[in-house]
Amino acid sequence: MRLNLQKELDIKKWIESERAKRDLCSTYNYCSKCDKTKENPCAIAYTLYNKKEKPNVLSFQEKLDNAKDATKDKFKELCLEIKASGVKVRICKKNVTLRYNKQLIGLISLTRNSLKIHLAIDPQSHNEIPNIDYSSKKTYQQVPFTIKLTTKKLLKDACALVDEIIESE
């Protein structure tokens, strides 16, 4: 694979060097990654240059630290209300899990400045509260009822729904 790529790059550089009437080696963008001590240096440099870097995935705590103050306040208020109900709140890598009697009753997720709570309720049961059905997503199959917490009223509704889940168990 690399040998074929090396040959292609050598031919391409040779043809372009002939046209320019000078050596064009070390003038390409990928040449900055070239290591002449290795076998097939141009092929290695070309693949390294074109390799896409994976985006840095932030943990929930890092996202919360980077969030706006209003989002932080909403999260703190929500956690205090939920903890007062006897629910255990645990901050994990991707989200916050809410458990009552070792049963998962909800998740809190944060994307940029959007705070969402996912609850273990049927999405069709509470149509008076604006919600999103995430039952098709594998991560949220146990907790498909999703509320985007944008206002104080939705925050209170979410706390009331958590209390409702606790009473039903």
Protein backbone atom coordinates (compact mmCIF):
# COMPACT_ATOMS: atom_id res chain seq x y z
CA MET A 1 0.00 0.00 0.00
CA ARG A 2 2.63 2.51 1.08
CA LEU A 3 5.02 1.30 -1.61
CA ASN A 4 2.41 2.02 -4.31
CA LEU A 5 1.65 5.41 -2.76
CA GLN A 6 5.37 6.17 -2.57
CA LYS A 7 5.77 5.34 -6.26
CA GLU A 8 2.76 7.49 -7.22
CA LEU A 9 4.08 10.44 -5.21
CA ASP A 10 7.58 10.02 -6.68
CA ILE A 11 6.18 10.04 -10.23
CA LYS A 12 3.95 13.04 -9.49
CA LYS A 13 6.85 14.99 -7.94
CA TRP A 14 9.18 14.02 -10.81
CA ILE A 15 6.70 15.20 -13.49
CA GLU A 16 5.99 18.47 -11.66
CA SER A 17 9.73 19.03 -11.05
CA GLU A 18 10.41 18.55 -14.77
CA ARG A 19 7.73 21.13 -15.62
CA ALA A 20 9.05 23.61 -13.05
CA LYS A 21 12.66 22.87 -14.11
CA ARG A 22 13.71 22.55 -10.46
CA ASP A 23 13.49 20.02 -7.64
CA LEU A 24 10.13 20.35 -5.86
CA CYS A 25 10.91 17.89 -3.08
CA SER A 26 10.16 19.47 0.34
CA THR A 27 7.79 22.05 -1.19
CA TYR A 28 4.50 20.17 -0.68
CA ASN A 29 2.35 20.67 2.40
CA TYR A 30 2.87 17.09 3.58
CA CYS A 31 6.67 17.42 3.37
CA SER A 32 6.72 19.01 6.82
CA LYS A 33 5.99 15.54 8.25
CA CYS A 34 8.65 13.81 6.11
CA ASP A 35 11.31 11.69 7.82
CA LYS A 36 14.02 10.70 5.32
CA THR A 37 15.46 8.06 7.67
CA LYS A 38 12.40 5.82 7.23
CA GLU A 39 11.45 3.66 4.28
CA ASN A 40 8.80 5.28 2.02
CA PRO A 41 9.13 8.72 3.66
CA CYS A 42 6.79 10.57 1.31
CA ALA A 43 4.01 7.99 1.68
CA ILE A 44 4.24 8.09 5.48
CA ALA A 45 4.29 11.89 5.50
CA TYR A 46 1.33 12.05 3.09
CA THR A 47 -0.81 9.69 5.21
CA LEU A 48 0.11 11.52 8.44
CA TYR A 49 -0.71 14.88 6.88
CA ASN A 50 -4.10 13.74 5.58
CA LYS A 51 -5.08 11.84 8.72
CA LYS A 52 -7.98 13.60 10.42
CA GLU A 53 -7.49 14.28 14.08
CA LYS A 54 -10.23 13.08 16.40
CA PRO A 55 -12.04 15.88 18.19
CA ASN A 56 -11.26 16.22 21.86
CA VAL A 57 -14.26 14.85 23.77
CA LEU A 58 -14.97 16.79 26.94
CA SER A 59 -16.28 15.16 30.09
CA PHE A 60 -19.51 16.37 31.67
CA GLN A 61 -17.58 18.24 34.37
CA GLU A 62 -15.43 20.00 31.76
CA LYS A 63 -18.55 20.94 29.78
CA LEU A 64 -20.14 22.29 32.95
CA ASP A 65 -17.02 24.31 33.77
CA ASN A 66 -17.10 25.84 30.26
CA ALA A 67 -20.85 26.53 30.33
CA LYS A 68 -22.49 29.89 30.95
CA ASP A 69 -23.26 30.93 34.52
CA ALA A 70 -27.01 30.65 33.89
CA THR A 71 -26.60 27.01 32.83
CA LYS A 72 -24.46 26.27 35.89
CA ASP A 73 -27.12 27.82 38.14
CA LYS A 74 -29.87 25.74 36.51
CA PHE A 75 -27.83 22.58 37.00
CA LYS A 76 -27.12 23.35 40.67
CA GLU A 77 -30.76 24.18 41.35
CA LEU A 78 -31.94 21.01 39.61
CA CYS A 79 -29.47 18.84 41.53
CA LEU A 80 -30.47 20.37 44.87
CA GLU A 81 -34.17 19.73 44.17
CA ILE A 82 -33.51 16.16 43.07
CA LYS A 83 -31.20 15.36 46.01
CA ALA A 84 -33.88 16.66 48.39
CA SER A 85 -36.19 13.95 47.01
CA GLY A 86 -33.74 11.22 48.04
CA VAL A 87 -32.36 10.53 44.58
CA LYS A 88 -28.67 9.74 44.22
CA VAL A 89 -26.91 12.04 41.76
CA ARG A 90 -23.67 10.79 40.21
CA ILE A 91 -21.55 12.72 37.72
CA CYS A 92 -20.21 10.34 35.07
CA LYS A 93 -18.00 10.91 32.01
CA LYS A 94 -20.80 11.76 29.55
CA ASN A 95 -23.70 12.76 31.78
CA VAL A 96 -25.19 12.74 35.27
CA THR A 97 -27.12 9.66 36.35
CA LEU A 98 -30.11 9.82 38.68
CA ARG A 99 -30.86 6.66 40.66
CA TYR A 100 -33.49 5.81 43.23
CA ASN A 101 -33.28 2.41 44.99
CA LYS A 102 -30.54 1.41 42.51
CA GLN A 103 -32.94 1.98 39.59
CA LEU A 104 -32.01 4.42 36.83
CA ILE A 105 -34.73 7.07 36.77
CA GLY A 106 -32.99 9.74 34.73
CA LEU A 107 -29.97 11.30 33.08
CA ILE A 108 -28.89 14.91 32.85
CA SER A 109 -26.91 15.82 29.73
CA LEU A 110 -25.21 19.01 28.64
CA THR A 111 -24.41 20.09 25.09
CA ARG A 112 -22.78 23.49 24.80
CA ASN A 113 -25.23 25.55 26.88
CA SER A 114 -28.26 23.29 26.51
CA LEU A 115 -29.18 21.38 29.66
CA LYS A 116 -31.46 18.37 29.15
CA ILE A 117 -33.01 15.88 31.53
CA HIS A 118 -33.97 12.42 30.30
CA LEU A 119 -36.51 10.57 32.45
CA ALA A 120 -37.80 7.00 32.63
CA ILE A 121 -41.35 7.96 31.64
CA ASP A 122 -43.41 7.17 28.55
CA PRO A 123 -43.08 10.23 26.23
CA GLN A 124 -46.81 10.11 25.33
CA SER A 125 -47.96 10.18 28.97
CA HIS A 126 -47.29 13.90 29.58
CA ASN A 127 -48.24 15.90 26.50
CA GLU A 128 -48.75 19.12 28.50
CA ILE A 129 -44.97 19.37 29.00
CA PRO A 130 -42.92 20.00 25.84
CA ASN A 131 -40.76 16.91 25.42
CA ILE A 132 -38.71 15.02 22.89
CA ASP A 133 -38.91 11.25 22.38
CA TYR A 134 -35.39 9.75 22.33
CA SER A 135 -36.49 6.11 22.55
CA SER A 136 -34.94 5.43 19.12
CA LYS A 137 -31.45 6.29 20.43
CA LYS A 138 -29.64 3.44 22.16
CA THR A 139 -28.22 5.64 24.93
CA TYR A 140 -31.66 6.90 25.96
CA GLN A 141 -33.82 3.78 25.52
CA GLN A 142 -34.29 3.42 29.29
CA VAL A 143 -34.95 7.15 29.71
CA PRO A 144 -36.73 8.32 26.52
CA PHE A 145 -38.71 11.29 27.93
CA THR A 146 -36.48 14.33 27.35
CA ILE A 147 -37.04 17.91 28.47
CA LYS A 148 -34.79 20.74 27.36
CA LEU A 149 -34.47 22.89 30.48
CA THR A 150 -34.76 26.44 29.16
CA THR A 151 -37.08 28.08 31.71
CA LYS A 152 -37.75 27.96 35.46
CA LYS A 153 -41.17 26.41 34.79
CA LEU A 154 -39.61 23.51 32.89
CA LEU A 155 -37.13 23.09 35.75
CA LYS A 156 -40.01 22.81 38.23
CA ASP A 157 -41.89 20.44 35.90
CA ALA A 158 -38.80 18.21 35.70
CA CYS A 159 -38.53 18.10 39.50
CA ALA A 160 -42.25 17.27 39.75
CA LEU A 161 -41.80 14.43 37.25
CA VAL A 162 -38.87 13.05 39.26
CA ASP A 163 -41.10 13.10 42.37
CA GLU A 164 -43.81 11.32 40.35
CA ILE A 165 -41.35 8.58 39.33
CA ILE A 166 -40.27 8.13 42.96
CA GLU A 167 -43.88 7.81 44.14
CA SER A 168 -44.65 5.21 41.48
CA GLU A 169 -41.79 2.95 42.66
